[in-house]
Amino acid sequence: MKNLVSRFFKDESGATAIEYGLIAALIAVVIIGAVTTLGTSLSGTFETVSGSLGGGGEGGE
């Protein structure tokens, strides 16, 4: 029984999996933030170009 408990406390494979999960979550948050910021910026740029071309964006007439 003592050997089983000793092996349990020495086993670090679960900690490694948790670390990889945390890294993946952090990368996902960074990507979502970057895409959101870039999308807002691109939307403003397209509105500026559309306004310069005389298109009001109201039905594509």
Protein backbone atom coordinates (compact mmCIF):
# COMPACT_ATOMS: atom_id res chain seq x y z
CA MET A 1 0.00 0.00 0.00
CA LYS A 2 2.85 2.36 0.86
CA ASN A 3 4.42 1.64 -2.54
CA LEU A 4 1.15 2.54 -4.30
CA VAL A 5 0.87 5.88 -2.49
CA SER A 6 4.52 6.64 -3.20
CA ARG A 7 4.05 5.98 -6.92
CA PHE A 8 0.91 8.15 -6.96
CA PHE A 9 2.75 11.18 -5.57
CA LYS A 10 5.71 10.70 -7.95
CA ASP A 11 3.51 10.43 -11.06
CA GLU A 12 3.50 13.79 -12.88
CA SER A 13 1.72 12.82 -16.10
CA GLY A 14 -1.56 14.36 -14.93
CA ALA A 15 0.17 17.63 -14.11
CA THR A 16 1.69 17.71 -17.59
CA ALA A 17 -1.73 17.23 -19.20
CA ILE A 18 -3.17 20.05 -17.11
CA GLU A 19 -0.28 22.33 -18.09
CA TYR A 20 -0.85 21.60 -21.78
CA GLY A 21 -4.55 22.32 -21.33
CA LEU A 22 -3.82 25.67 -19.69
CA ILE A 23 -1.40 26.62 -22.48
CA ALA A 24 -3.99 25.70 -25.12
CA ALA A 25 -6.64 27.78 -23.32
CA LEU A 26 -4.30 30.77 -23.12
CA ILE A 27 -3.49 30.52 -26.83
CA ALA A 28 -7.22 30.33 -27.63
CA VAL A 29 -7.92 33.48 -25.60
CA VAL A 30 -5.12 35.36 -27.38
CA ILE A 31 -6.39 34.26 -30.81
CA ILE A 32 -9.97 35.27 -29.98
CA GLY A 33 -8.79 38.68 -28.79
CA ALA A 34 -6.68 39.24 -31.90
CA VAL A 35 -9.47 38.19 -34.28
CA THR A 36 -11.98 40.43 -32.49
CA THR A 37 -9.66 43.43 -32.67
CA LEU A 38 -8.74 42.76 -36.29
CA GLY A 39 -12.40 42.26 -37.25
CA THR A 40 -13.41 45.59 -35.73
CA SER A 41 -10.55 47.34 -37.50
CA LEU A 42 -11.40 45.73 -40.84
CA SER A 43 -15.07 46.63 -40.47
CA GLY A 44 -14.14 50.29 -40.01
CA THR A 45 -11.83 50.16 -43.01
CA PHE A 46 -14.50 48.66 -45.27
CA GLU A 47 -17.02 51.27 -44.13
CA THR A 48 -14.54 54.02 -44.96
CA VAL A 49 -13.87 52.58 -48.42
CA SER A 50 -17.59 52.08 -49.05
CA GLY A 51 -18.30 55.68 -48.08
CA SER A 52 -15.51 56.93 -50.35
CA LEU A 53 -16.93 55.00 -53.29
CA GLY A 54 -20.37 56.48 -52.73
CA GLY A 55 -22.01 53.21 -51.68
CA GLY A 56 -24.24 53.63 -48.71
CA GLY A 57 -24.38 49.91 -48.12
CA GLU A 58 -28.18 49.96 -48.29
CA GLY A 59 -29.11 47.13 -50.60
CA GLY A 60 -26.28 47.34 -53.15
CA GLU A 61 -28.14 49.47 -55.74
